[in-house]
Amino acid sequence: MYKSVVQPLEKEIEAYFAHKVKAAGGWTIKFQSEGNAGVPDRIVFWPDRPIEFAEIKRPGGKLRPLQVSMCKKISTFGVPVYIVDSKEAADQYIGGCLRAGFINGERVNQ
């Protein structure tokens, strides 16, 4: 007998991502820009650090061409855009932020 593996929905990954950012001392808000289709799903704020964007996808989900274009445009201004397509990817993002010197909103390794 085979068991099917149920992949998390995009909204479940997004909720997990938002929870993990908050737990690590950051803040994230849903980003919707009237008249600008293809913008990333989330703006992420960390203390003493420039804003970042996160595009949330279901596992195996692909960016639409318009999303690719918008992510590239945002990146040309020096603002990072991260693609988060699993809970593991959310954990890796948070781990990278913590290694960059933030733990629960406090700057470390100054």
C-alpha atoms as a PDB file:
ATOM      1  CA  MET A   1       0.000   0.000   0.000  1.00  0.00           C
ATOM      2  CA  TYR A   2       1.274   3.453  -0.940  1.00  0.00           C
ATOM      3  CA  LYS A   3       0.956   6.545   1.184  1.00  0.00           C
ATOM      4  CA  SER A   4       0.518   9.803  -0.596  1.00  0.00           C
ATOM      5  CA  VAL A   5       2.611  12.672   0.640  1.00  0.00           C
ATOM      6  CA  VAL A   6       0.555  15.784   1.242  1.00  0.00           C
ATOM      7  CA  GLN A   7       2.501  18.911   0.370  1.00  0.00           C
ATOM      8  CA  PRO A   8       1.759  22.027   2.417  1.00  0.00           C
ATOM      9  CA  LEU A   9      -0.273  24.727   0.739  1.00  0.00           C
ATOM     10  CA  GLU A  10       1.301  28.075  -0.069  1.00  0.00           C
ATOM     11  CA  LYS A  11      -0.787  29.767   2.636  1.00  0.00           C
ATOM     12  CA  GLU A  12       0.533  27.277   5.218  1.00  0.00           C
ATOM     13  CA  ILE A  13       4.126  28.037   4.254  1.00  0.00           C
ATOM     14  CA  GLU A  14       3.389  31.763   4.352  1.00  0.00           C
ATOM     15  CA  ALA A  15       1.868  31.511   7.852  1.00  0.00           C
ATOM     16  CA  TYR A  16       4.855  29.449   9.030  1.00  0.00           C
ATOM     17  CA  PHE A  17       7.277  31.982   7.520  1.00  0.00           C
ATOM     18  CA  ALA A  18       5.514  34.923   9.214  1.00  0.00           C
ATOM     19  CA  HIS A  19       5.514  33.088  12.561  1.00  0.00           C
ATOM     20  CA  LYS A  20       9.235  32.283  12.322  1.00  0.00           C
ATOM     21  CA  VAL A  21      10.173  35.863  11.389  1.00  0.00           C
ATOM     22  CA  LYS A  22       8.199  37.205  14.360  1.00  0.00           C
ATOM     23  CA  ALA A  23       9.683  34.596  16.707  1.00  0.00           C
ATOM     24  CA  ALA A  24      13.188  35.678  15.637  1.00  0.00           C
ATOM     25  CA  GLY A  25      12.454  39.355  16.345  1.00  0.00           C
ATOM     26  CA  GLY A  26      11.508  40.540  12.866  1.00  0.00           C
ATOM     27  CA  TRP A  27       8.289  41.816  11.349  1.00  0.00           C
ATOM     28  CA  THR A  28       6.692  40.851   8.068  1.00  0.00           C
ATOM     29  CA  ILE A  29       3.648  42.214   6.321  1.00  0.00           C
ATOM     30  CA  LYS A  30       1.688  41.037   3.308  1.00  0.00           C
ATOM     31  CA  PHE A  31       2.645  43.136   0.277  1.00  0.00           C
ATOM     32  CA  GLN A  32       0.028  44.005  -2.283  1.00  0.00           C
ATOM     33  CA  SER A  33       0.655  46.841  -4.685  1.00  0.00           C
ATOM     34  CA  GLU A  34      -2.311  48.145  -6.652  1.00  0.00           C
ATOM     35  CA  GLY A  35      -1.409  48.243 -10.327  1.00  0.00           C
ATOM     36  CA  ASN A  36       1.874  46.357  -9.890  1.00  0.00           C
ATOM     37  CA  ALA A  37       1.227  42.688 -10.521  1.00  0.00           C
ATOM     38  CA  GLY A  38       4.021  40.256  -9.743  1.00  0.00           C
ATOM     39  CA  VAL A  39       5.365  41.904  -6.589  1.00  0.00           C
ATOM     40  CA  PRO A  40       6.697  39.570  -3.875  1.00  0.00           C
ATOM     41  CA  ASP A  41       4.275  38.342  -1.207  1.00  0.00           C
ATOM     42  CA  ARG A  42       5.998  39.697   1.884  1.00  0.00           C
ATOM     43  CA  ILE A  43       8.069  42.659   3.056  1.00  0.00           C
ATOM     44  CA  VAL A  44      10.407  41.666   5.877  1.00  0.00           C
ATOM     45  CA  PHE A  45      11.807  44.092   8.422  1.00  0.00           C
ATOM     46  CA  TRP A  46      14.691  43.440  10.808  1.00  0.00           C
ATOM     47  CA  PRO A  47      16.169  45.884  13.342  1.00  0.00           C
ATOM     48  CA  ASP A  48      19.150  47.809  11.952  1.00  0.00           C
ATOM     49  CA  ARG A  49      18.940  46.085   8.584  1.00  0.00           C
ATOM     50  CA  PRO A  50      17.513  47.102   5.197  1.00  0.00           C
ATOM     51  CA  ILE A  51      14.153  45.688   4.192  1.00  0.00           C
ATOM     52  CA  GLU A  52      13.943  42.417   2.318  1.00  0.00           C
ATOM     53  CA  PHE A  53      11.227  40.770   0.266  1.00  0.00           C
ATOM     54  CA  ALA A  54      10.034  37.178   0.250  1.00  0.00           C
ATOM     55  CA  GLU A  55       8.071  35.426  -2.474  1.00  0.00           C
ATOM     56  CA  ILE A  56       6.237  32.446  -1.032  1.00  0.00           C
ATOM     57  CA  LYS A  57       5.540  29.402  -3.200  1.00  0.00           C
ATOM     58  CA  ARG A  58       4.188  25.933  -2.629  1.00  0.00           C
ATOM     59  CA  PRO A  59       6.810  23.186  -2.842  1.00  0.00           C
ATOM     60  CA  GLY A  60       7.888  22.881  -6.465  1.00  0.00           C
ATOM     61  CA  GLY A  61       6.022  26.075  -7.370  1.00  0.00           C
ATOM     62  CA  LYS A  62       7.582  28.197 -10.092  1.00  0.00           C
ATOM     63  CA  LEU A  63       7.683  31.959 -10.420  1.00  0.00           C
ATOM     64  CA  ARG A  64       5.563  33.359 -13.229  1.00  0.00           C
ATOM     65  CA  PRO A  65       7.545  35.377 -15.816  1.00  0.00           C
ATOM     66  CA  LEU A  66       6.101  38.608 -14.415  1.00  0.00           C
ATOM     67  CA  GLN A  67       7.260  37.644 -10.922  1.00  0.00           C
ATOM     68  CA  VAL A  68      10.755  36.887 -12.219  1.00  0.00           C
ATOM     69  CA  SER A  69      10.846  40.294 -13.895  1.00  0.00           C
ATOM     70  CA  MET A  70       9.645  42.104 -10.759  1.00  0.00           C
ATOM     71  CA  CYS A  71      12.117  40.272  -8.501  1.00  0.00           C
ATOM     72  CA  LYS A  72      14.970  41.205 -10.845  1.00  0.00           C
ATOM     73  CA  LYS A  73      13.836  44.844 -10.914  1.00  0.00           C
ATOM     74  CA  ILE A  74      13.668  45.034  -7.107  1.00  0.00           C
ATOM     75  CA  SER A  75      17.103  43.410  -6.848  1.00  0.00           C
ATOM     76  CA  THR A  76      18.651  46.068  -9.128  1.00  0.00           C
ATOM     77  CA  PHE A  77      18.001  48.530  -6.289  1.00  0.00           C
ATOM     78  CA  GLY A  78      20.052  46.396  -3.911  1.00  0.00           C
ATOM     79  CA  VAL A  79      17.008  44.956  -2.129  1.00  0.00           C
ATOM     80  CA  PRO A  80      17.153  41.183  -1.733  1.00  0.00           C
ATOM     81  CA  VAL A  81      14.216  38.992  -2.720  1.00  0.00           C
ATOM     82  CA  TYR A  82      14.117  35.493  -1.245  1.00  0.00           C
ATOM     83  CA  ILE A  83      12.072  32.627  -2.648  1.00  0.00           C
ATOM     84  CA  VAL A  84      10.577  30.508   0.137  1.00  0.00           C
ATOM     85  CA  ASP A  85       8.942  27.319  -1.118  1.00  0.00           C
ATOM     86  CA  SER A  86       8.908  25.124   1.976  1.00  0.00           C
ATOM     87  CA  LYS A  87       9.061  25.248   5.748  1.00  0.00           C
ATOM     88  CA  GLU A  88      12.690  24.138   5.438  1.00  0.00           C
ATOM     89  CA  ALA A  89      13.413  27.128   3.183  1.00  0.00           C
ATOM     90  CA  ALA A  90      11.791  29.407   5.774  1.00  0.00           C
ATOM     91  CA  ASP A  91      14.037  27.899   8.447  1.00  0.00           C
ATOM     92  CA  GLN A  92      17.098  28.412   6.216  1.00  0.00           C
ATOM     93  CA  TYR A  93      16.129  32.059   5.666  1.00  0.00           C
ATOM     94  CA  ILE A  94      15.746  32.631   9.412  1.00  0.00           C
ATOM     95  CA  GLY A  95      19.024  30.804  10.080  1.00  0.00           C
ATOM     96  CA  GLY A  96      20.787  33.094   7.616  1.00  0.00           C
ATOM     97  CA  CYS A  97      19.358  36.163   9.322  1.00  0.00           C
ATOM     98  CA  LEU A  98      20.459  34.901  12.711  1.00  0.00           C
ATOM     99  CA  ARG A  99      23.952  34.173  11.379  1.00  0.00           C
ATOM    100  CA  ALA A 100      23.999  37.721  10.003  1.00  0.00           C
ATOM    101  CA  GLY A 101      23.833  38.972  13.568  1.00  0.00           C
ATOM    102  CA  PHE A 102      20.240  39.153  14.802  1.00  0.00           C
ATOM    103  CA  ILE A 103      18.716  37.131  17.576  1.00  0.00           C
ATOM    104  CA  ASN A 104      15.249  38.159  18.751  1.00  0.00           C
ATOM    105  CA  GLY A 105      15.705  41.647  17.376  1.00  0.00           C
ATOM    106  CA  GLU A 106      19.024  42.256  19.139  1.00  0.00           C
ATOM    107  CA  ARG A 107      22.172  42.950  17.158  1.00  0.00           C
ATOM    108  CA  VAL A 108      25.006  40.553  17.984  1.00  0.00           C
ATOM    109  CA  ASN A 109      28.542  40.130  16.631  1.00  0.00           C
ATOM    110  CA  GLN A 110      29.021  43.884  16.258  1.00  0.00           C
END
